[in-house]
Amino acid sequence: MGLLSKKDAKLITDPLADNNPITIQVLGICSALAITAELKASIVMALAVLFVLAMGNVVISLLRNIIPPKIRIIVQLIVVAALVIIVDLVLKAYAYELSKTLSVFVGLIITNCIIMGRFEAFALANGPWRSFLDGIGNALGYGIILVIVGFFRELLGSGTLLGFKVLGDSIEKTGVYAYGYENNGFMLLAPMALITLGIIIWVQRSRNEALIEDN
């Protein structure tokens, strides 16, 4: 018998595609638009949300039977705020420049609709282990979209990935630049993140017609 039952495995696999929190549930859009101009920032934000959502789900699940219903939202905000502070302090200690790039967006994890939504919809009604798996699954689904958008925005906008030049030198005209290629600076602007996300949604729905909503 494997570590995960089929039902538990779906908690991780479903948010990766057919129930993705960004492309299907349309949650967490703001950070997907704001911090994906660089792949590194996208990866770090994805890891931050992974930690906060997985640990937060576990904590809320453990407290679910003793939290008074009238103050459950306040308790949830306190839990997620404490976890976000930990993430922020770790970034400042070990990746200070990146923490300045993400700046306010790390703090805005507190109000990320995905996190509060999973607390309400899942952690308050399930045990710690399943809540942990649900947090991992939804955070990975969120992170995958951020990484994909960040990959194309940095590659086509700057000609780099993780800060390394992969298309050549645009000044010395080496690599693809020798053939007349130019970086698309528009890819670094927030509207292009929305367009890139729209293309991902279109591709996803074209591959799975069951995701197309009836008018």
Protein backbone atom coordinates (compact mmCIF):
# COMPACT_ATOMS: atom_id res chain seq x y z
CA MET A 1 0.00 0.00 0.00
CA GLY A 2 1.40 3.36 -1.00
CA LEU A 3 1.87 6.35 1.25
CA LEU A 4 -1.10 8.12 -0.30
CA SER A 5 -4.52 6.71 -1.10
CA LYS A 6 -6.07 7.57 -4.45
CA LYS A 7 -8.34 10.08 -2.73
CA ASP A 8 -5.44 11.74 -0.93
CA ALA A 9 -3.31 11.83 -4.09
CA LYS A 10 -6.06 13.76 -5.87
CA LEU A 11 -5.67 16.53 -3.29
CA ILE A 12 -2.23 17.14 -4.78
CA THR A 13 -2.83 16.35 -8.46
CA ASP A 14 -6.18 18.08 -9.06
CA PRO A 15 -4.94 21.64 -8.38
CA LEU A 16 -2.06 21.10 -10.79
CA ALA A 17 -4.40 21.10 -13.78
CA ASP A 18 -8.17 20.55 -13.75
CA ASN A 19 -8.77 22.56 -10.57
CA ASN A 20 -5.86 24.99 -10.70
CA PRO A 21 -6.40 27.86 -8.25
CA ILE A 22 -5.30 30.50 -10.78
CA THR A 23 -6.52 29.29 -14.17
CA ILE A 24 -9.72 27.56 -13.02
CA GLN A 25 -10.70 29.14 -9.70
CA VAL A 26 -9.28 32.54 -10.75
CA LEU A 27 -7.65 33.19 -7.37
CA GLY A 28 -4.28 34.75 -6.58
CA ILE A 29 -4.20 36.70 -9.84
CA CYS A 30 -2.61 39.84 -8.38
CA SER A 31 0.74 38.27 -7.49
CA ALA A 32 0.78 36.38 -10.78
CA LEU A 33 0.69 39.73 -12.57
CA ALA A 34 2.92 41.69 -10.23
CA ILE A 35 6.04 39.63 -9.53
CA THR A 36 6.48 37.42 -12.60
CA ALA A 37 8.77 39.70 -14.61
CA GLU A 38 11.67 37.65 -13.18
CA LEU A 39 11.75 33.87 -12.90
CA LYS A 40 13.67 33.98 -9.61
CA ALA A 41 11.01 36.14 -7.96
CA SER A 42 8.30 33.80 -9.29
CA ILE A 43 10.03 30.75 -7.79
CA VAL A 44 10.59 32.41 -4.41
CA MET A 45 6.97 33.59 -4.23
CA ALA A 46 5.80 30.08 -5.13
CA LEU A 47 7.95 28.58 -2.35
CA ALA A 48 6.72 31.19 0.13
CA VAL A 49 3.08 30.40 -0.62
CA LEU A 50 3.87 26.67 -0.45
CA PHE A 51 5.21 27.07 3.10
CA VAL A 52 2.46 29.40 4.28
CA LEU A 53 -0.44 27.43 2.80
CA ALA A 54 0.79 23.96 3.81
CA MET A 55 1.70 24.96 7.38
CA GLY A 56 -1.32 27.24 7.74
CA ASN A 57 -3.70 24.49 6.69
CA VAL A 58 -2.21 22.18 9.31
CA VAL A 59 -2.46 24.76 12.09
CA ILE A 60 -6.05 25.70 11.24
CA SER A 61 -6.98 22.02 11.04
CA LEU A 62 -5.50 21.37 14.48
CA LEU A 63 -7.41 24.34 15.93
CA ARG A 64 -10.66 23.80 14.02
CA ASN A 65 -12.58 22.31 16.96
CA ILE A 66 -11.67 25.06 19.42
CA ILE A 67 -11.94 28.16 17.22
CA PRO A 68 -15.17 30.08 17.98
CA PRO A 69 -17.04 30.52 14.66
CA LYS A 70 -17.46 34.25 15.21
CA ILE A 71 -13.71 34.92 15.27
CA ARG A 72 -12.48 32.23 12.86
CA ILE A 73 -11.45 34.78 10.21
CA ILE A 74 -9.41 36.71 12.78
CA VAL A 75 -7.69 33.52 13.90
CA GLN A 76 -6.94 32.58 10.30
CA LEU A 77 -5.43 36.00 9.65
CA ILE A 78 -3.24 35.72 12.77
CA VAL A 79 -1.97 32.29 11.68
CA VAL A 80 -1.17 33.34 8.13
CA ALA A 81 0.37 36.63 9.30
CA ALA A 82 2.71 34.78 11.67
CA LEU A 83 3.82 32.44 8.87
CA VAL A 84 4.33 35.34 6.46
CA ILE A 85 6.50 37.13 9.02
CA ILE A 86 8.69 34.01 9.21
CA VAL A 87 9.02 33.98 5.41
CA ASP A 88 9.83 37.69 5.32
CA LEU A 89 12.52 37.38 8.00
CA VAL A 90 14.13 34.40 6.26
CA LEU A 91 14.22 36.30 2.96
CA LYS A 92 15.76 39.35 4.60
CA ALA A 93 18.38 37.17 6.29
CA TYR A 94 19.39 35.02 3.31
CA ALA A 95 18.18 36.82 0.16
CA TYR A 96 18.02 40.50 1.01
CA GLU A 97 18.09 41.84 -2.57
CA LEU A 98 15.31 39.50 -3.58
CA SER A 99 13.31 40.46 -0.50
CA LYS A 100 13.50 44.10 -1.65
CA THR A 101 12.30 43.06 -5.12
CA LEU A 102 9.30 41.24 -3.68
CA SER A 103 8.88 43.89 -0.95
CA VAL A 104 5.18 44.46 -0.25
CA PHE A 105 4.05 41.41 -2.22
CA VAL A 106 5.33 39.03 0.46
CA GLY A 107 3.16 40.81 2.98
CA LEU A 108 0.19 40.56 0.64
CA ILE A 109 0.36 36.77 0.93
CA ILE A 110 -1.75 37.40 4.04
CA THR A 111 -4.67 38.44 1.84
CA ASN A 112 -4.08 35.86 -0.89
CA CYS A 113 -7.52 34.48 -1.75
CA ILE A 114 -6.10 30.97 -2.26
CA ILE A 115 -4.84 30.74 1.30
CA MET A 116 -7.94 32.09 3.02
CA GLY A 117 -10.11 30.05 0.67
CA ARG A 118 -8.39 26.76 1.55
CA PHE A 119 -8.57 27.56 5.26
CA GLU A 120 -12.32 28.07 4.98
CA ALA A 121 -13.16 25.38 2.43
CA PHE A 122 -10.88 22.57 3.57
CA ALA A 123 -8.79 22.99 6.72
CA LEU A 124 -11.78 23.78 8.92
CA ALA A 125 -13.45 20.52 7.88
CA ASN A 126 -10.58 18.03 7.58
CA GLY A 127 -7.74 16.52 9.59
CA PRO A 128 -4.14 17.81 9.60
CA TRP A 129 -2.72 15.26 7.12
CA ARG A 130 -5.33 15.82 4.41
CA SER A 131 -5.19 19.57 5.04
CA PHE A 132 -1.42 19.45 4.58
CA LEU A 133 -1.82 17.61 1.25
CA ASP A 134 -4.48 20.09 0.15
CA GLY A 135 -2.15 22.98 0.96
CA ILE A 136 0.73 21.36 -0.94
CA GLY A 137 -1.46 20.68 -3.97
CA ASN A 138 -2.98 24.14 -4.23
CA ALA A 139 0.35 25.86 -3.59
CA LEU A 140 2.02 23.77 -6.30
CA GLY A 141 -0.80 24.57 -8.71
CA TYR A 142 -0.35 28.26 -7.95
CA GLY A 143 3.45 28.02 -8.17
CA ILE A 144 3.47 26.21 -11.51
CA ILE A 145 1.53 29.03 -13.14
CA LEU A 146 3.83 31.66 -11.61
CA VAL A 147 6.92 29.83 -12.86
CA ILE A 148 5.51 29.41 -16.38
CA VAL A 149 4.54 33.07 -16.63
CA GLY A 150 7.86 34.18 -15.12
CA PHE A 151 9.80 31.93 -17.51
CA PHE A 152 8.32 33.44 -20.67
CA ARG A 153 8.26 37.02 -19.39
CA GLU A 154 11.93 37.02 -18.42
CA LEU A 155 13.07 35.04 -21.46
CA LEU A 156 11.25 37.13 -24.03
CA GLY A 157 11.46 40.41 -22.12
CA SER A 158 15.11 40.35 -21.04
CA GLY A 159 16.64 37.42 -22.89
CA THR A 160 17.69 35.89 -19.56
CA LEU A 161 16.61 33.16 -17.14
CA LEU A 162 17.41 33.48 -13.44
CA GLY A 163 19.62 36.41 -14.47
CA PHE A 164 21.77 34.38 -16.88
CA LYS A 165 21.90 35.38 -20.54
CA VAL A 166 20.50 32.49 -22.56
CA LEU A 167 19.76 34.16 -25.89
CA GLY A 168 23.13 35.89 -26.22
CA ASP A 169 24.29 39.45 -25.61
CA SER A 170 21.91 42.10 -26.92
CA ILE A 171 24.64 44.77 -26.89
CA GLU A 172 27.41 42.78 -28.56
CA LYS A 173 24.84 41.13 -30.86
CA THR A 174 25.77 37.54 -30.11
CA GLY A 175 23.51 34.48 -30.11
CA VAL A 176 20.05 35.05 -31.55
CA TYR A 177 20.64 38.81 -31.48
CA ALA A 178 23.11 38.35 -34.34
CA TYR A 179 20.13 37.42 -36.53
CA GLY A 180 18.17 40.57 -35.73
CA TYR A 181 16.24 39.34 -32.69
CA GLU A 182 15.28 42.01 -30.15
CA ASN A 183 13.90 41.62 -26.63
CA ASN A 184 10.21 42.34 -26.28
CA GLY A 185 10.22 44.95 -23.53
CA PHE A 186 6.44 44.80 -23.33
CA MET A 187 6.77 41.36 -21.70
CA LEU A 188 8.14 43.07 -18.59
CA LEU A 189 4.98 45.15 -18.17
CA ALA A 190 2.10 43.88 -16.02
CA PRO A 191 -0.45 43.77 -18.90
CA MET A 192 1.69 41.17 -20.67
CA ALA A 193 1.48 38.97 -17.58
CA LEU A 194 -2.29 39.04 -17.99
CA ILE A 195 -2.02 38.18 -21.68
CA THR A 196 0.43 35.33 -20.94
CA LEU A 197 -1.92 34.01 -18.29
CA GLY A 198 -4.80 34.26 -20.76
CA ILE A 199 -2.86 32.15 -23.27
CA ILE A 200 -2.22 29.51 -20.60
CA ILE A 201 -5.94 29.42 -19.78
CA TRP A 202 -6.80 29.12 -23.48
CA VAL A 203 -4.35 26.25 -23.99
CA GLN A 204 -5.63 24.46 -20.89
CA ARG A 205 -9.25 24.68 -21.97
CA SER A 206 -8.49 23.74 -25.57
CA ARG A 207 -6.88 20.52 -24.29
CA ASN A 208 -9.74 19.73 -21.92
CA GLU A 209 -13.17 20.81 -23.17
CA ALA A 210 -14.75 19.77 -19.89
CA LEU A 211 -13.26 22.95 -18.38
CA ILE A 212 -15.19 25.17 -20.80
CA GLU A 213 -18.17 26.73 -19.07
CA ASP A 214 -21.55 26.71 -20.79
CA ASN A 215 -23.02 30.13 -21.52
